[in-house]
């Protein structure tokens, strides 16, 4: 059942299933390290995971600010349910809480790396707050998370064409000298509405 390559990998990693005769059982520490993709602290090499859970901004060992997690969405960053309805009071409180932790002003005496991370975190928090605060941008962001990209605003080319048509009709109405000319413009507008 265990091919040569699989046995070799298990031996190298020190991970032998307990039921394989004559082999030591899986080491829980080695198994968790093999499964763990958690990044290490850039400064001390420690694991930023642990009691702090998902909200790990600082290394628990050396207290260095860690880089922002690129996989984290705005809702989890701002501790909100992934829903269109957002408690704006809670959102504002979380925004202030995060800015007190990561604002660049608090990192003026730290290393350049932490200053850079602080700027990235602060920008990310600002973007998340602005996006989730406004209903339109929140809705567009939710759609984006579900794989639906809609550009903010409308089709500019169509808007320009529509404005040109409106201006032309206004000019014709201004120049219209008779009832017949007005009726002709009205019939053109009615025909345009059909399309």
Protein backbone atom coordinates (compact mmCIF):
# COMPACT_ATOMS: atom_id res chain seq x y z
CA UNK A 1 0.00 0.00 0.00
CA UNK A 2 2.78 2.45 0.85
CA UNK A 3 4.87 3.10 -2.25
CA UNK A 4 8.60 3.73 -2.03
CA UNK A 5 8.28 7.49 -2.56
CA UNK A 6 5.57 7.84 0.10
CA UNK A 7 7.61 5.79 2.59
CA UNK A 8 10.69 7.89 1.91
CA UNK A 9 8.79 11.16 2.45
CA UNK A 10 7.23 9.87 5.65
CA UNK A 11 10.61 8.73 6.89
CA UNK A 12 12.26 12.09 6.08
CA UNK A 13 9.47 14.03 7.78
CA UNK A 14 9.38 11.60 10.69
CA UNK A 15 5.69 10.93 10.10
CA UNK A 16 4.84 7.28 10.22
CA UNK A 17 1.22 6.28 10.82
CA UNK A 18 0.79 4.40 14.10
CA UNK A 19 -0.67 1.35 12.34
CA UNK A 20 2.44 0.71 10.21
CA UNK A 21 4.25 -2.19 11.96
CA UNK A 22 7.64 -1.43 13.47
CA UNK A 23 7.35 2.31 13.00
CA UNK A 24 6.97 5.08 15.53
CA UNK A 25 3.62 6.88 15.67
CA UNK A 26 3.03 10.28 14.17
CA UNK A 27 4.67 12.98 16.19
CA UNK A 28 1.99 15.52 16.97
CA UNK A 29 4.55 18.33 16.85
CA UNK A 30 6.01 17.19 13.52
CA UNK A 31 2.55 16.53 12.09
CA UNK A 32 1.31 19.95 13.03
CA UNK A 33 4.43 21.56 11.56
CA UNK A 34 4.01 19.63 8.32
CA UNK A 35 0.36 20.70 8.05
CA UNK A 36 0.95 24.23 9.20
CA UNK A 37 1.43 26.86 6.56
CA UNK A 38 1.52 29.65 9.12
CA UNK A 39 4.15 32.23 8.33
CA UNK A 40 6.96 32.90 10.73
CA UNK A 41 7.74 36.24 12.34
CA UNK A 42 10.01 38.24 10.06
CA UNK A 43 12.04 39.46 13.04
CA UNK A 44 12.48 36.57 15.49
CA UNK A 45 11.33 33.60 13.42
CA UNK A 46 8.68 32.68 15.97
CA UNK A 47 5.21 31.55 15.07
CA UNK A 48 2.74 34.44 15.20
CA UNK A 49 -0.14 32.02 15.78
CA UNK A 50 -1.33 31.03 19.18
CA UNK A 51 -3.70 32.46 21.72
CA UNK A 52 -4.36 35.61 19.74
CA UNK A 53 -6.27 33.65 17.07
CA UNK A 54 -6.73 35.04 13.58
CA UNK A 55 -6.21 38.66 14.57
CA UNK A 56 -2.43 38.43 14.73
CA UNK A 57 -0.94 41.83 14.02
CA UNK A 58 2.05 41.45 16.32
CA UNK A 59 4.37 38.55 17.05
CA UNK A 60 3.55 37.24 20.55
CA UNK A 61 7.26 36.59 21.25
CA UNK A 62 8.98 39.82 20.14
CA UNK A 63 5.91 42.10 19.65
CA UNK A 64 7.06 43.09 16.13
CA UNK A 65 4.34 44.23 13.74
CA UNK A 66 3.75 41.53 11.13
CA UNK A 67 3.01 42.11 7.43
CA UNK A 68 -0.66 42.34 6.43
CA UNK A 69 -2.31 39.07 5.45
CA UNK A 70 -3.06 39.36 1.71
CA UNK A 71 -5.76 36.67 1.92
CA UNK A 72 -7.82 38.48 4.54
CA UNK A 73 -10.97 40.25 3.36
CA UNK A 74 -12.29 43.56 4.67
CA UNK A 75 -15.13 41.93 6.61
CA UNK A 76 -12.85 39.72 8.68
CA UNK A 77 -10.36 42.55 9.15
CA UNK A 78 -13.08 44.83 10.50
CA UNK A 79 -14.66 41.99 12.52
CA UNK A 80 -17.99 42.19 10.66
CA UNK A 81 -20.27 39.50 9.32
CA UNK A 82 -19.93 39.05 5.57
CA UNK A 83 -23.31 40.60 4.89
CA UNK A 84 -24.75 43.73 3.32
CA UNK A 85 -26.04 44.80 6.73
CA UNK A 86 -23.19 46.18 8.81
CA UNK A 87 -23.34 47.70 12.26
CA UNK A 88 -21.69 51.05 11.49
CA UNK A 89 -21.12 51.84 15.17
CA UNK A 90 -19.23 48.57 15.62
CA UNK A 91 -17.39 49.24 12.34
CA UNK A 92 -16.29 52.68 13.52
CA UNK A 93 -15.17 51.27 16.89
CA UNK A 94 -13.11 48.56 15.17
CA UNK A 95 -11.60 51.15 12.81
CA UNK A 96 -10.47 53.30 15.73
CA UNK A 97 -9.18 50.26 17.60
CA UNK A 98 -7.07 49.10 14.64
CA UNK A 99 -5.74 52.58 13.92
CA UNK A 100 -4.61 52.88 17.54
CA UNK A 101 -2.62 49.69 16.99
CA UNK A 102 -1.12 50.21 13.52
CA UNK A 103 -1.08 53.92 12.72
CA UNK A 104 2.34 55.00 11.39
CA UNK A 105 2.66 57.73 14.04
CA UNK A 106 3.14 55.01 16.65
CA UNK A 107 6.02 53.43 14.74
CA UNK A 108 8.30 56.43 14.28
CA UNK A 109 11.00 54.90 16.52
CA UNK A 110 10.72 51.37 15.15
CA UNK A 111 12.64 49.68 12.35
CA UNK A 112 12.01 50.67 8.73
CA UNK A 113 10.39 47.28 8.12
CA UNK A 114 7.82 47.91 10.85
CA UNK A 115 7.24 51.44 9.56
CA UNK A 116 6.50 50.00 6.12
CA UNK A 117 4.19 47.35 7.56
CA UNK A 118 2.46 50.02 9.62
CA UNK A 119 1.77 52.11 6.52
CA UNK A 120 0.41 49.06 4.69
CA UNK A 121 -1.80 48.07 7.61
CA UNK A 122 -3.07 51.61 8.08
CA UNK A 123 -3.90 51.94 4.37
CA UNK A 124 -5.65 48.59 4.42
CA UNK A 125 -7.70 49.54 7.48
CA UNK A 126 -8.66 52.89 5.89
CA UNK A 127 -9.69 51.19 2.63
CA UNK A 128 -11.69 48.55 4.50
CA UNK A 129 -13.46 51.16 6.61
CA UNK A 130 -14.36 53.38 3.64
CA UNK A 131 -15.53 50.40 1.59
CA UNK A 132 -17.71 48.87 4.29
CA UNK A 133 -19.12 52.18 5.53
CA UNK A 134 -20.77 53.20 2.24
CA UNK A 135 -23.62 50.90 1.14
CA UNK A 136 -22.79 51.10 -2.58
CA UNK A 137 -19.11 50.26 -2.18
CA UNK A 138 -19.99 47.56 0.40
CA UNK A 139 -22.39 45.94 -2.09
CA UNK A 140 -19.85 46.10 -4.90
CA UNK A 141 -17.21 44.59 -2.61
CA UNK A 142 -19.57 41.76 -1.61
CA UNK A 143 -20.21 41.02 -5.28
CA UNK A 144 -16.45 41.05 -5.93
CA UNK A 145 -15.93 38.52 -3.13
CA UNK A 146 -18.46 36.28 -4.86
CA UNK A 147 -16.63 36.60 -8.19
CA UNK A 148 -18.85 39.24 -9.79
CA UNK A 149 -16.97 42.35 -10.94
CA UNK A 150 -19.06 45.43 -11.62
CA UNK A 151 -17.30 48.69 -12.28
CA UNK A 152 -18.42 51.51 -10.04
CA UNK A 153 -20.63 53.98 -11.91
CA UNK A 154 -22.12 53.32 -15.31
CA UNK A 155 -21.02 52.84 -18.88
CA UNK A 156 -19.32 56.16 -19.74
CA UNK A 157 -19.57 55.67 -23.51
CA UNK A 158 -23.30 55.12 -23.31
CA UNK A 159 -23.69 58.17 -21.05
CA UNK A 160 -21.80 60.39 -23.50
CA UNK A 161 -23.91 59.19 -26.43
CA UNK A 162 -27.10 59.74 -24.45
CA UNK A 163 -26.05 63.28 -23.48
CA UNK A 164 -25.26 64.13 -27.11
CA UNK A 165 -28.73 62.92 -28.15
CA UNK A 166 -30.40 64.98 -25.41
CA UNK A 167 -28.46 68.08 -26.45
CA UNK A 168 -29.47 67.57 -30.10
CA UNK A 169 -33.14 67.21 -29.16
CA UNK A 170 -32.92 70.36 -27.01
CA UNK A 171 -31.41 72.28 -29.94
CA UNK A 172 -34.17 71.08 -32.27
CA UNK A 173 -36.82 72.07 -29.72
CA UNK A 174 -35.26 75.50 -29.36
CA UNK A 175 -35.15 75.96 -33.14
CA UNK A 176 -38.64 74.58 -33.72
CA UNK A 177 -40.79 77.36 -35.17
CA UNK A 178 -44.05 75.54 -35.64
CA UNK A 179 -46.37 72.96 -34.15
CA UNK A 180 -45.49 70.58 -36.99
CA UNK A 181 -41.77 70.71 -36.10
CA UNK A 182 -42.61 70.00 -32.46
CA UNK A 183 -44.74 67.00 -33.46
CA UNK A 184 -41.92 65.68 -35.65
CA UNK A 185 -39.43 65.87 -32.73
CA UNK A 186 -41.98 64.20 -30.46
CA UNK A 187 -42.41 61.30 -32.90
CA UNK A 188 -38.61 60.86 -33.14
CA UNK A 189 -38.33 60.73 -29.33
CA UNK A 190 -41.20 58.23 -29.15
CA UNK A 191 -39.50 56.06 -31.79
CA UNK A 192 -36.21 56.24 -29.85
CA UNK A 193 -37.94 55.06 -26.66
CA UNK A 194 -39.12 51.92 -28.44
CA UNK A 195 -35.52 50.75 -28.81
